[in-house]
Amino acid sequence: MLPGMITSIEPGTYRPGRWGVRIENLVINQEAGTTEFGEFLRFETLTLCPIDTRCIEVSMLNEEERTWLNDYHAHVLARLSPLLQGTALLWLQARTVAV
């Protein structure tokens, strides 16, 4: 991986003959710094779409997972809400409520 490359992060699980779940985001690789162990990259999310929390059993999330989801949704709302109005904005606000 090199700075500037776009990567797809696609965690998922599938139950044969039953169902499957996949969450996909595109990220861009960015320089994160150099240490005695070498050069490191970080990811910046490019695709900003809410994760449908109606499909999540929120009680099963630990604090770190809940924080990540809420931070992600706050970022999505902050970046996209200035571009929307009316029912589209209302939809985004409803789908990015903290859990």
N, C-alpha and C. Protein backbone atom coordinates (compact mmCIF):
# COMPACT_ATOMS: atom_id res chain seq x y z
N MET A 1 0.84 -1.17 0.00
CA MET A 1 0.00 0.00 0.00
C MET A 1 0.88 1.24 0.00
N LEU A 2 0.43 2.24 -0.74
CA LEU A 2 1.16 3.49 -0.84
C LEU A 2 0.22 4.67 -0.59
N PRO A 3 0.76 5.81 -0.14
CA PRO A 3 -0.09 6.99 0.02
C PRO A 3 -0.81 7.32 -1.30
N GLY A 4 -2.07 7.68 -1.19
CA GLY A 4 -2.87 8.03 -2.36
C GLY A 4 -3.66 6.88 -2.94
N MET A 5 -3.33 5.65 -2.59
CA MET A 5 -4.10 4.50 -3.09
C MET A 5 -5.45 4.46 -2.39
N ILE A 6 -6.46 4.03 -3.13
CA ILE A 6 -7.80 3.86 -2.58
C ILE A 6 -8.02 2.38 -2.31
N THR A 7 -8.52 2.08 -1.12
CA THR A 7 -8.72 0.72 -0.66
C THR A 7 -10.18 0.54 -0.26
N SER A 8 -10.71 -0.64 -0.47
CA SER A 8 -12.06 -0.97 -0.04
C SER A 8 -11.98 -1.81 1.24
N ILE A 9 -12.64 -1.34 2.28
CA ILE A 9 -12.73 -2.09 3.54
C ILE A 9 -14.12 -2.70 3.57
N GLU A 10 -14.19 -4.02 3.63
CA GLU A 10 -15.47 -4.72 3.47
C GLU A 10 -15.68 -5.81 4.52
N PRO A 11 -15.81 -5.45 5.79
CA PRO A 11 -16.09 -6.50 6.77
C PRO A 11 -17.47 -7.10 6.51
N GLY A 12 -17.59 -8.38 6.68
CA GLY A 12 -18.88 -9.02 6.45
C GLY A 12 -18.92 -10.41 7.03
N THR A 13 -20.12 -10.95 7.08
CA THR A 13 -20.32 -12.33 7.50
C THR A 13 -21.48 -12.90 6.70
N TYR A 14 -21.41 -14.17 6.41
CA TYR A 14 -22.46 -14.82 5.63
C TYR A 14 -22.83 -16.14 6.28
N ARG A 15 -24.12 -16.40 6.34
CA ARG A 15 -24.65 -17.67 6.83
C ARG A 15 -25.26 -18.37 5.62
N PRO A 16 -24.59 -19.42 5.10
CA PRO A 16 -25.06 -20.09 3.89
C PRO A 16 -26.54 -20.47 3.96
N GLY A 17 -27.27 -20.08 2.93
CA GLY A 17 -28.69 -20.40 2.85
C GLY A 17 -29.57 -19.57 3.76
N ARG A 18 -28.98 -18.63 4.50
CA ARG A 18 -29.77 -17.84 5.45
C ARG A 18 -29.69 -16.35 5.16
N TRP A 19 -28.51 -15.75 5.35
CA TRP A 19 -28.38 -14.31 5.16
C TRP A 19 -26.92 -13.91 5.14
N GLY A 20 -26.69 -12.67 4.81
CA GLY A 20 -25.34 -12.12 4.82
C GLY A 20 -25.38 -10.64 5.12
N VAL A 21 -24.30 -10.15 5.67
CA VAL A 21 -24.18 -8.74 5.99
C VAL A 21 -22.79 -8.27 5.55
N ARG A 22 -22.75 -7.16 4.87
CA ARG A 22 -21.46 -6.58 4.49
C ARG A 22 -21.57 -5.06 4.58
N ILE A 23 -20.58 -4.46 5.19
CA ILE A 23 -20.48 -3.00 5.26
C ILE A 23 -19.23 -2.63 4.48
N GLU A 24 -19.37 -1.75 3.50
CA GLU A 24 -18.24 -1.41 2.64
C GLU A 24 -18.00 0.09 2.64
N ASN A 25 -16.76 0.46 2.86
CA ASN A 25 -16.33 1.85 2.76
C ASN A 25 -15.07 1.92 1.91
N LEU A 26 -14.96 2.97 1.12
CA LEU A 26 -13.72 3.24 0.42
C LEU A 26 -12.91 4.22 1.26
N VAL A 27 -11.62 3.97 1.35
CA VAL A 27 -10.72 4.84 2.11
C VAL A 27 -9.52 5.18 1.25
N ILE A 28 -8.91 6.31 1.54
CA ILE A 28 -7.67 6.68 0.86
C ILE A 28 -6.52 6.55 1.86
N ASN A 29 -5.45 5.96 1.40
CA ASN A 29 -4.27 5.79 2.24
C ASN A 29 -3.53 7.12 2.34
N GLN A 30 -3.19 7.51 3.57
CA GLN A 30 -2.46 8.75 3.80
C GLN A 30 -1.27 8.50 4.71
N GLU A 31 -0.23 9.29 4.54
CA GLU A 31 0.94 9.16 5.40
C GLU A 31 0.56 9.47 6.84
N ALA A 32 1.01 8.62 7.76
CA ALA A 32 0.71 8.81 9.17
C ALA A 32 1.96 9.11 9.98
N GLY A 33 3.11 8.94 9.39
CA GLY A 33 4.35 9.24 10.10
C GLY A 33 5.35 8.11 10.00
N THR A 34 6.52 8.38 10.52
CA THR A 34 7.60 7.41 10.50
C THR A 34 8.12 7.22 11.92
N THR A 35 8.39 5.97 12.26
CA THR A 35 8.98 5.65 13.56
C THR A 35 10.21 4.80 13.31
N GLU A 36 10.80 4.32 14.37
CA GLU A 36 11.95 3.43 14.23
C GLU A 36 11.57 2.13 13.52
N PHE A 37 10.27 1.83 13.43
CA PHE A 37 9.80 0.61 12.79
C PHE A 37 9.45 0.81 11.32
N GLY A 38 9.50 2.03 10.84
CA GLY A 38 9.24 2.29 9.44
C GLY A 38 8.18 3.35 9.22
N GLU A 39 7.71 3.42 7.97
CA GLU A 39 6.69 4.39 7.59
C GLU A 39 5.30 3.78 7.78
N PHE A 40 4.36 4.59 8.25
CA PHE A 40 3.02 4.10 8.52
C PHE A 40 1.99 4.93 7.75
N LEU A 41 0.88 4.26 7.43
CA LEU A 41 -0.24 4.90 6.75
C LEU A 41 -1.45 4.92 7.67
N ARG A 42 -2.37 5.81 7.37
CA ARG A 42 -3.68 5.83 8.03
C ARG A 42 -4.72 5.89 6.93
N PHE A 43 -5.96 5.63 7.27
CA PHE A 43 -7.04 5.64 6.30
C PHE A 43 -7.96 6.83 6.55
N GLU A 44 -8.35 7.51 5.48
CA GLU A 44 -9.40 8.53 5.56
C GLU A 44 -10.58 8.02 4.76
N THR A 45 -11.75 7.99 5.38
CA THR A 45 -12.95 7.48 4.73
C THR A 45 -13.39 8.41 3.60
N LEU A 46 -13.65 7.83 2.44
CA LEU A 46 -14.12 8.59 1.28
C LEU A 46 -15.63 8.48 1.11
N THR A 47 -16.18 7.29 1.28
CA THR A 47 -17.62 7.09 1.10
C THR A 47 -18.32 7.39 2.42
N LEU A 48 -19.25 8.29 2.38
CA LEU A 48 -19.93 8.74 3.59
C LEU A 48 -21.41 8.40 3.49
N CYS A 49 -21.75 7.26 4.00
CA CYS A 49 -23.14 6.79 4.00
C CYS A 49 -23.43 6.22 5.38
N PRO A 50 -24.57 6.57 5.98
CA PRO A 50 -24.87 6.03 7.30
C PRO A 50 -24.96 4.50 7.27
N ILE A 51 -24.58 3.91 8.39
CA ILE A 51 -24.77 2.47 8.59
C ILE A 51 -26.15 2.31 9.20
N ASP A 52 -26.96 1.44 8.65
CA ASP A 52 -28.35 1.28 9.10
C ASP A 52 -28.38 0.59 10.46
N THR A 53 -28.57 1.38 11.51
CA THR A 53 -28.56 0.83 12.86
C THR A 53 -29.81 0.01 13.17
N ARG A 54 -30.81 0.05 12.31
CA ARG A 54 -31.98 -0.80 12.52
C ARG A 54 -31.61 -2.26 12.36
N CYS A 55 -30.48 -2.53 11.73
CA CYS A 55 -30.01 -3.90 11.52
C CYS A 55 -28.97 -4.32 12.56
N ILE A 56 -28.75 -3.49 13.55
CA ILE A 56 -27.72 -3.76 14.57
C ILE A 56 -28.39 -4.02 15.91
N GLU A 57 -27.95 -5.07 16.58
CA GLU A 57 -28.37 -5.32 17.96
C GLU A 57 -27.44 -4.49 18.84
N VAL A 58 -27.86 -3.25 19.09
CA VAL A 58 -27.00 -2.27 19.76
C VAL A 58 -26.52 -2.76 21.12
N SER A 59 -27.32 -3.54 21.82
CA SER A 59 -26.92 -4.03 23.15
C SER A 59 -25.70 -4.94 23.08
N MET A 60 -25.37 -5.44 21.90
CA MET A 60 -24.21 -6.32 21.74
C MET A 60 -22.93 -5.55 21.46
N LEU A 61 -23.03 -4.24 21.22
CA LEU A 61 -21.84 -3.43 20.95
C LEU A 61 -21.11 -3.13 22.25
N ASN A 62 -19.79 -3.19 22.21
CA ASN A 62 -19.04 -2.73 23.38
C ASN A 62 -18.85 -1.22 23.25
N GLU A 63 -18.27 -0.60 24.26
CA GLU A 63 -18.16 0.86 24.28
C GLU A 63 -17.32 1.39 23.11
N GLU A 64 -16.24 0.69 22.79
CA GLU A 64 -15.39 1.11 21.67
C GLU A 64 -16.14 1.06 20.35
N GLU A 65 -16.93 0.01 20.13
CA GLU A 65 -17.71 -0.13 18.90
C GLU A 65 -18.79 0.94 18.82
N ARG A 66 -19.45 1.18 19.93
CA ARG A 66 -20.51 2.20 19.98
C ARG A 66 -19.91 3.59 19.70
N THR A 67 -18.78 3.87 20.30
CA THR A 67 -18.11 5.16 20.08
C THR A 67 -17.71 5.31 18.62
N TRP A 68 -17.14 4.25 18.03
CA TRP A 68 -16.74 4.32 16.62
C TRP A 68 -17.95 4.62 15.74
N LEU A 69 -19.06 3.91 15.96
CA LEU A 69 -20.26 4.10 15.15
C LEU A 69 -20.81 5.51 15.32
N ASN A 70 -20.89 5.99 16.54
CA ASN A 70 -21.40 7.35 16.78
C ASN A 70 -20.48 8.42 16.18
N ASP A 71 -19.17 8.22 16.30
CA ASP A 71 -18.23 9.17 15.71
C ASP A 71 -18.34 9.17 14.19
N TYR A 72 -18.47 7.98 13.60
CA TYR A 72 -18.62 7.87 12.15
C TYR A 72 -19.88 8.60 11.70
N HIS A 73 -20.99 8.36 12.39
CA HIS A 73 -22.25 9.01 12.01
C HIS A 73 -22.18 10.52 12.20
N ALA A 74 -21.50 10.99 13.23
CA ALA A 74 -21.33 12.44 13.42
C ALA A 74 -20.54 13.04 12.26
N HIS A 75 -19.52 12.31 11.80
CA HIS A 75 -18.71 12.77 10.66
C HIS A 75 -19.56 12.81 9.38
N VAL A 76 -20.34 11.76 9.15
CA VAL A 76 -21.21 11.71 7.98
C VAL A 76 -22.18 12.88 8.00
N LEU A 77 -22.82 13.11 9.13
CA LEU A 77 -23.79 14.20 9.26
C LEU A 77 -23.12 15.56 9.03
N ALA A 78 -21.97 15.77 9.63
CA ALA A 78 -21.28 17.06 9.50
C ALA A 78 -20.86 17.34 8.06
N ARG A 79 -20.41 16.32 7.36
CA ARG A 79 -19.93 16.51 5.98
C ARG A 79 -21.07 16.63 4.97
N LEU A 80 -22.16 15.87 5.17
CA LEU A 80 -23.21 15.82 4.16
C LEU A 80 -24.37 16.78 4.40
N SER A 81 -24.67 17.10 5.65
CA SER A 81 -25.85 17.92 5.91
C SER A 81 -25.82 19.29 5.23
N PRO A 82 -24.66 19.95 5.08
CA PRO A 82 -24.67 21.24 4.38
C PRO A 82 -25.05 21.12 2.90
N LEU A 83 -24.99 19.92 2.37
CA LEU A 83 -25.29 19.70 0.95
C LEU A 83 -26.74 19.29 0.70
N LEU A 84 -27.50 19.08 1.78
CA LEU A 84 -28.86 18.54 1.66
C LEU A 84 -29.88 19.51 2.24
N GLN A 85 -31.13 19.28 1.85
CA GLN A 85 -32.24 20.04 2.43
C GLN A 85 -33.50 19.19 2.36
N GLY A 86 -34.53 19.64 3.02
CA GLY A 86 -35.83 18.98 2.96
C GLY A 86 -35.80 17.54 3.45
N THR A 87 -36.51 16.67 2.73
CA THR A 87 -36.64 15.28 3.16
C THR A 87 -35.31 14.53 3.15
N ALA A 88 -34.41 14.89 2.25
CA ALA A 88 -33.09 14.23 2.23
C ALA A 88 -32.32 14.54 3.52
N LEU A 89 -32.38 15.78 3.97
CA LEU A 89 -31.70 16.16 5.21
C LEU A 89 -32.36 15.48 6.41
N LEU A 90 -33.68 15.45 6.42
CA LEU A 90 -34.39 14.77 7.52
C LEU A 90 -34.03 13.29 7.58
N TRP A 91 -33.93 12.65 6.41
CA TRP A 91 -33.55 11.24 6.36
C TRP A 91 -32.15 11.05 6.94
N LEU A 92 -31.20 11.90 6.53
CA LEU A 92 -29.83 11.78 7.02
C LEU A 92 -29.78 11.98 8.54
N GLN A 93 -30.49 12.96 9.03
CA GLN A 93 -30.51 13.21 10.48
C GLN A 93 -31.07 12.01 11.24
N ALA A 94 -32.11 11.39 10.70
CA ALA A 94 -32.71 10.23 11.36
C ALA A 94 -31.78 9.02 11.35
N ARG A 95 -30.98 8.88 10.31
CA ARG A 95 -30.11 7.71 10.16
C ARG A 95 -28.76 7.87 10.84
N THR A 96 -28.49 9.06 11.39
CA THR A 96 -27.19 9.29 12.04
C THR A 96 -27.35 9.60 13.53
N VAL A 97 -28.50 9.28 14.09
CA VAL A 97 -28.73 9.50 15.52
C VAL A 97 -27.80 8.57 16.32
N ALA A 98 -27.22 9.10 17.38
CA ALA A 98 -26.32 8.29 18.22
C ALA A 98 -27.07 7.12 18.85
N VAL A 99 -26.35 6.01 18.98
CA VAL A 99 -26.94 4.80 19.60
C VAL A 99 -26.42 4.63 21.01
